[in-house]
Amino acid sequence: MLILAATVLALLLVPVLGGRLSGLAELSLSGGRLLVAALALQVLAISVLTGVPHALLTAMHGASYVLAAVFVWRNRRVRGLPLLASGGALNALAIAVNGGQMPASAEAVRSAGLPLEEEGFVNSGVQEDARLAWLGDVFASPDWLPLSNVYSPGDLLLLAGAVWVVHAACGSVLVRDPRPLLRSLRAT
């Protein structure tokens, strides 16, 4: 949830950083339904279908990443999307090698004020002997913050990629070529 809040903050900063929010309307993305389907599968697997066999939920979770990967591939020329995709790929790798669940650090989970053990299928949870644990949810926002949660290195790349996509589409100073500005500063 903090990643969503940070993305909204990135949007709010576009005009402050000299960009135009209308640039988002000009962003041409192909296969938006794939992304909607991927998100729907994740919500269904993680929050809605609690009585479904674990193997089916794991397959749905995995399929959501495949759909998102197809969306990214179709839009790979969008500035920032490859960085966002690398975050998704790191998350998918960690999930795949850990039986369909993102491994979480017990320390991070405690720091975020989340339960160490949960019933049913969870997208992220503490696991004994997790593979590639360093790619799991090892960072936390503290429990005293609203929306506290745990995050992976892949999540941070997803966020950085989302910020890049937004600011590139909107033409903010964050993604402009700094050389003309530097030349004008030297001339003064």
Protein backbone atom coordinates (compact mmCIF):
# COMPACT_ATOMS: atom_id res chain seq x y z
CA MET A 1 0.00 0.00 0.00
CA LEU A 2 2.91 2.32 0.68
CA ILE A 3 4.06 1.75 -2.90
CA LEU A 4 0.66 2.94 -4.14
CA ALA A 5 0.90 6.00 -1.88
CA ALA A 6 4.43 6.73 -3.17
CA THR A 7 3.20 6.44 -6.76
CA VAL A 8 0.40 8.92 -6.02
CA LEU A 9 3.01 11.24 -4.49
CA ALA A 10 5.08 10.90 -7.68
CA LEU A 11 2.00 11.98 -9.65
CA LEU A 12 1.46 14.98 -7.40
CA LEU A 13 5.08 16.02 -7.88
CA VAL A 14 4.83 16.11 -11.68
CA PRO A 15 3.66 19.76 -11.89
CA VAL A 16 6.11 20.80 -9.16
CA LEU A 17 8.93 19.33 -11.23
CA GLY A 18 7.87 21.07 -14.44
CA GLY A 19 5.89 18.26 -16.00
CA ARG A 20 2.39 18.09 -17.47
CA LEU A 21 -0.04 15.53 -16.06
CA SER A 22 -1.79 15.61 -19.44
CA GLY A 23 1.24 13.69 -20.72
CA LEU A 24 -0.24 10.57 -19.12
CA ALA A 25 -3.21 10.80 -21.51
CA GLU A 26 -0.74 10.71 -24.40
CA LEU A 27 0.95 7.57 -23.08
CA SER A 28 0.11 4.78 -25.51
CA LEU A 29 -0.03 1.40 -23.78
CA SER A 30 -1.00 -1.83 -25.48
CA GLY A 31 -2.86 -4.66 -23.77
CA GLY A 32 -4.28 -2.88 -20.76
CA ARG A 33 -6.74 -5.73 -20.28
CA LEU A 34 -3.81 -8.04 -19.58
CA LEU A 35 -2.77 -5.85 -16.66
CA VAL A 36 -6.34 -5.65 -15.35
CA ALA A 37 -6.63 -9.45 -15.58
CA ALA A 38 -3.29 -9.87 -13.76
CA LEU A 39 -4.42 -7.60 -10.93
CA ALA A 40 -7.80 -9.35 -10.75
CA LEU A 41 -6.11 -12.76 -10.49
CA GLN A 42 -3.89 -11.52 -7.67
CA VAL A 43 -6.82 -10.03 -5.74
CA LEU A 44 -8.86 -13.20 -6.21
CA ALA A 45 -6.00 -15.50 -5.16
CA ILE A 46 -4.89 -13.43 -2.17
CA SER A 47 -8.10 -11.94 -0.80
CA VAL A 48 -11.27 -13.49 -2.21
CA LEU A 49 -10.99 -17.23 -2.88
CA THR A 50 -10.10 -18.50 0.58
CA GLY A 51 -11.62 -21.98 0.30
CA VAL A 52 -9.92 -22.92 -2.98
CA PRO A 53 -7.09 -25.50 -2.99
CA HIS A 54 -3.64 -24.02 -2.38
CA ALA A 55 -2.30 -25.36 -5.70
CA LEU A 56 -4.97 -23.46 -7.66
CA LEU A 57 -4.24 -20.23 -5.76
CA THR A 58 -0.52 -20.66 -6.43
CA ALA A 59 -1.25 -21.20 -10.13
CA MET A 60 -3.44 -18.09 -10.23
CA HIS A 61 -0.72 -16.06 -8.51
CA GLY A 62 1.85 -17.31 -11.03
CA ALA A 63 -0.49 -16.67 -13.97
CA SER A 64 -0.90 -13.07 -12.83
CA TYR A 65 2.85 -12.56 -13.25
CA VAL A 66 2.76 -14.15 -16.70
CA LEU A 67 -0.03 -11.80 -17.81
CA ALA A 68 1.86 -8.80 -16.41
CA ALA A 69 5.01 -9.94 -18.23
CA VAL A 70 3.14 -10.11 -21.53
CA PHE A 71 1.81 -6.58 -20.92
CA VAL A 72 5.33 -5.33 -20.21
CA TRP A 73 6.75 -7.05 -23.28
CA ARG A 74 4.12 -5.42 -25.48
CA ASN A 75 5.03 -2.03 -24.01
CA ARG A 76 8.77 -2.51 -23.56
CA ARG A 77 9.64 0.70 -25.42
CA VAL A 78 7.89 2.89 -22.83
CA ARG A 79 10.58 4.75 -20.90
CA GLY A 80 10.89 3.35 -17.37
CA LEU A 81 8.95 0.17 -18.03
CA PRO A 82 12.07 -2.04 -18.28
CA LEU A 83 13.08 -0.94 -14.75
CA LEU A 84 9.57 -1.63 -13.50
CA ALA A 85 9.70 -5.01 -15.26
CA SER A 86 13.00 -5.92 -13.59
CA GLY A 87 11.33 -5.42 -10.21
CA GLY A 88 8.46 -7.65 -11.24
CA ALA A 89 10.90 -10.26 -12.53
CA LEU A 90 12.81 -10.29 -9.22
CA ASN A 91 9.53 -10.75 -7.35
CA ALA A 92 8.40 -13.48 -9.72
CA LEU A 93 11.71 -15.29 -9.29
CA ALA A 94 11.52 -15.17 -5.49
CA ILE A 95 7.92 -16.37 -5.58
CA ALA A 96 8.63 -19.15 -8.09
CA VAL A 97 11.53 -20.67 -6.16
CA ASN A 98 9.52 -20.55 -2.91
CA GLY A 99 6.46 -22.50 -3.93
CA GLY A 100 4.28 -19.59 -5.03
CA GLN A 101 4.82 -17.35 -2.01
CA MET A 102 7.10 -14.36 -1.49
CA PRO A 103 9.38 -15.13 1.45
CA ALA A 104 9.35 -12.49 4.17
CA SER A 105 11.92 -11.73 6.82
CA ALA A 106 10.53 -12.35 10.32
CA GLU A 107 12.32 -9.19 11.47
CA ALA A 108 10.68 -7.09 8.74
CA VAL A 109 7.26 -8.59 9.47
CA ARG A 110 7.63 -7.80 13.19
CA SER A 111 8.86 -4.26 12.41
CA ALA A 112 5.77 -3.64 10.25
CA GLY A 113 3.52 -4.95 13.03
CA LEU A 114 2.17 -7.77 10.91
CA PRO A 115 1.34 -11.29 12.14
CA LEU A 116 4.18 -13.81 11.75
CA GLU A 117 1.75 -16.56 10.80
CA GLU A 118 -1.43 -16.31 8.76
CA GLU A 119 -4.08 -18.82 7.79
CA GLY A 120 -4.59 -19.83 4.17
CA PHE A 121 -2.82 -18.59 1.07
CA VAL A 122 -0.76 -15.43 1.49
CA ASN A 123 1.31 -13.70 -1.15
CA SER A 124 4.05 -12.97 1.40
CA GLY A 125 4.94 -14.83 4.55
CA VAL A 126 7.73 -15.99 6.81
CA GLN A 127 9.17 -19.27 5.54
CA GLU A 128 11.74 -21.62 7.01
CA ASP A 129 14.75 -22.07 4.71
CA ALA A 130 13.49 -19.71 2.01
CA ARG A 131 15.41 -19.76 -1.24
CA LEU A 132 16.81 -16.41 -2.42
CA ALA A 133 15.51 -14.91 0.82
CA TRP A 134 17.36 -11.66 0.09
CA LEU A 135 14.93 -11.10 -2.81
CA GLY A 136 11.97 -11.47 -0.46
CA ASP A 137 10.19 -8.95 1.71
CA VAL A 138 13.20 -7.86 3.75
CA PHE A 139 12.38 -4.15 4.18
CA ALA A 140 9.59 -2.74 6.31
CA SER A 141 7.84 0.49 6.95
CA PRO A 142 7.46 0.71 10.74
CA ASP A 143 4.17 -0.19 12.37
CA TRP A 144 3.62 3.36 13.64
CA LEU A 145 3.22 4.56 10.04
CA PRO A 146 -0.14 4.23 8.32
CA LEU A 147 -0.06 1.52 5.65
CA SER A 148 2.90 -0.24 7.26
CA ASN A 149 3.99 -3.29 5.33
CA VAL A 150 6.98 -5.31 4.14
CA TYR A 151 8.78 -4.79 0.84
CA SER A 152 11.24 -6.56 -1.39
CA PRO A 153 14.07 -5.21 -3.53
CA GLY A 154 11.79 -5.99 -6.48
CA ASP A 155 9.06 -3.79 -5.00
CA LEU A 156 11.50 -0.89 -4.78
CA LEU A 157 12.46 -1.37 -8.44
CA LEU A 158 8.75 -1.53 -9.33
CA LEU A 159 8.25 1.79 -7.57
CA ALA A 160 11.30 3.39 -9.22
CA GLY A 161 10.07 2.17 -12.61
CA ALA A 162 6.56 3.50 -11.99
CA VAL A 163 7.98 6.91 -11.04
CA TRP A 164 10.15 6.88 -14.18
CA VAL A 165 7.20 5.94 -16.43
CA VAL A 166 5.04 8.71 -14.95
CA HIS A 167 7.71 11.42 -15.07
CA ALA A 168 8.90 10.41 -18.55
CA ALA A 169 5.35 10.54 -19.90
CA CYS A 170 4.79 13.91 -18.23
CA GLY A 171 8.17 15.41 -19.20
CA SER A 172 9.24 16.45 -15.72
CA VAL A 173 12.74 17.63 -14.91
CA LEU A 174 13.52 14.19 -13.44
CA VAL A 175 13.81 12.66 -16.90
CA ARG A 176 14.98 15.56 -19.02
CA ASP A 177 18.47 15.81 -20.42
CA PRO A 178 20.31 17.94 -17.81
CA ARG A 179 23.02 19.18 -20.20
CA PRO A 180 21.18 22.32 -21.45
CA LEU A 181 20.41 23.33 -17.86
CA LEU A 182 24.03 22.75 -16.83
CA ARG A 183 25.27 24.80 -19.79
CA SER A 184 23.00 27.69 -18.87
CA LEU A 185 24.13 27.56 -15.26
CA ARG A 186 27.79 27.69 -16.34
CA ALA A 187 27.09 30.66 -18.60
CA THR A 188 25.78 32.77 -15.72
